[in-house]
């Protein structure tokens, strides 16, 4: 059984036993706390996903087939420099619109 030790508790010397409690498990909304590890793993398992937007961008060398949100995410994560959006998108108007959202709506 794993116990939660507050800082400094392991250095306390006492002649009587110390009661140590585990912190309560808090359930996420829509989730019940069950002791079964397998059940908890199954609750957090993610469905298989296709290629990520970064993988698509690197494979194609362009972001023409990505959504604006995916391109914005790549700019936020610094995979695409904001000054190259027109070139990467293949459409100057789309690149400017994404840059506008990045600079003025994300701050």
Protein backbone atom coordinates (compact mmCIF):
# COMPACT_ATOMS: atom_id res chain seq x y z
CA UNK A 1 0.00 0.00 0.00
CA UNK A 2 1.38 3.42 -0.95
CA UNK A 3 1.24 6.16 1.62
CA UNK A 4 1.38 9.91 1.24
CA UNK A 5 4.08 11.46 3.43
CA UNK A 6 3.86 15.19 4.04
CA UNK A 7 7.24 16.92 3.92
CA UNK A 8 9.32 16.32 7.03
CA UNK A 9 7.10 13.54 8.41
CA UNK A 10 9.67 10.85 7.70
CA UNK A 11 12.13 12.67 10.00
CA UNK A 12 9.83 12.83 13.05
CA UNK A 13 10.90 10.68 15.97
CA UNK A 14 8.14 9.59 18.31
CA UNK A 15 7.48 6.74 20.68
CA UNK A 16 3.83 6.35 19.68
CA UNK A 17 2.62 5.22 16.26
CA UNK A 18 1.89 7.90 13.70
CA UNK A 19 -1.34 7.70 11.75
CA UNK A 20 -0.71 8.24 8.07
CA UNK A 21 -3.62 8.64 5.69
CA UNK A 22 -3.69 8.40 1.93
CA UNK A 23 -4.98 11.49 0.16
CA UNK A 24 -8.53 10.98 -1.09
CA UNK A 25 -8.86 10.06 -4.74
CA UNK A 26 -10.83 12.63 -6.62
CA UNK A 27 -12.91 11.49 -9.53
CA UNK A 28 -13.06 13.45 -12.73
CA UNK A 29 -16.53 14.47 -13.92
CA UNK A 30 -18.27 11.43 -15.32
CA UNK A 31 -15.75 9.02 -13.80
CA UNK A 32 -16.13 6.78 -10.77
CA UNK A 33 -13.22 5.86 -8.54
CA UNK A 34 -12.69 2.13 -8.68
CA UNK A 35 -9.80 0.17 -7.30
CA UNK A 36 -9.28 -1.91 -10.42
CA UNK A 37 -6.18 -0.72 -12.24
CA UNK A 38 -7.32 -2.35 -15.46
CA UNK A 39 -10.63 -0.49 -15.32
CA UNK A 40 -8.86 2.83 -14.70
CA UNK A 41 -6.48 2.21 -17.60
CA UNK A 42 -9.40 1.43 -19.87
CA UNK A 43 -11.13 4.67 -18.90
CA UNK A 44 -8.12 6.74 -19.95
CA UNK A 45 -7.30 4.79 -23.12
CA UNK A 46 -7.41 7.00 -26.17
CA UNK A 47 -8.78 5.78 -29.47
CA UNK A 48 -6.24 5.17 -32.21
CA UNK A 49 -5.52 8.36 -34.10
CA UNK A 50 -4.37 9.06 -37.62
CA UNK A 51 -1.31 11.08 -38.51
CA UNK A 52 -0.93 14.33 -36.61
CA UNK A 53 -1.00 17.72 -38.27
CA UNK A 54 2.76 18.04 -37.70
CA UNK A 55 3.40 14.73 -39.45
CA UNK A 56 1.21 15.79 -42.38
CA UNK A 57 2.96 19.17 -42.59
CA UNK A 58 6.43 17.60 -42.55
CA UNK A 59 5.49 14.90 -45.09
CA UNK A 60 3.87 17.30 -47.56
CA UNK A 61 6.08 20.33 -46.88
CA UNK A 62 2.98 22.49 -47.02
CA UNK A 63 -0.09 23.15 -44.91
CA UNK A 64 -2.62 23.43 -47.76
CA UNK A 65 -4.53 20.35 -46.57
CA UNK A 66 -4.65 21.36 -42.89
CA UNK A 67 -7.43 23.30 -41.22
CA UNK A 68 -6.84 26.82 -39.96
CA UNK A 69 -6.96 25.56 -36.37
CA UNK A 70 -4.29 22.94 -37.07
CA UNK A 71 -2.06 25.53 -38.71
CA UNK A 72 -2.60 27.90 -35.79
CA UNK A 73 -1.58 25.11 -33.40
CA UNK A 74 1.62 24.52 -35.39
CA UNK A 75 2.39 28.26 -35.25
CA UNK A 76 1.77 28.32 -31.49
CA UNK A 77 4.09 25.33 -31.04
CA UNK A 78 6.70 27.10 -33.20
CA UNK A 79 6.81 24.46 -35.92
CA UNK A 80 5.78 27.08 -38.49
CA UNK A 81 7.26 30.60 -38.24
CA UNK A 82 4.48 33.19 -38.39
CA UNK A 83 6.29 35.16 -41.11
CA UNK A 84 6.05 32.15 -43.46
CA UNK A 85 2.31 31.56 -43.20
CA UNK A 86 1.51 32.87 -46.70
CA UNK A 87 4.09 30.54 -48.26
CA UNK A 88 3.12 27.51 -46.14
CA UNK A 89 -0.62 27.96 -46.70
CA UNK A 90 -0.22 28.57 -50.42
CA UNK A 91 -2.76 31.38 -50.16
CA UNK A 92 -1.66 34.85 -49.00
CA UNK A 93 -5.12 35.83 -47.74
CA UNK A 94 -5.43 32.67 -45.65
CA UNK A 95 -1.92 33.14 -44.22
CA UNK A 96 -2.67 36.74 -43.23
CA UNK A 97 -5.98 35.72 -41.63
CA UNK A 98 -4.26 33.02 -39.55
CA UNK A 99 -1.49 35.44 -38.52
CA UNK A 100 -4.14 37.99 -37.48
CA UNK A 101 -5.80 35.40 -35.24
CA UNK A 102 -2.41 34.37 -33.84
CA UNK A 103 -1.30 37.90 -32.93
CA UNK A 104 -4.55 39.62 -32.00
CA UNK A 105 -6.90 36.96 -30.68
CA UNK A 106 -4.46 34.73 -28.80
CA UNK A 107 -2.90 37.40 -26.58
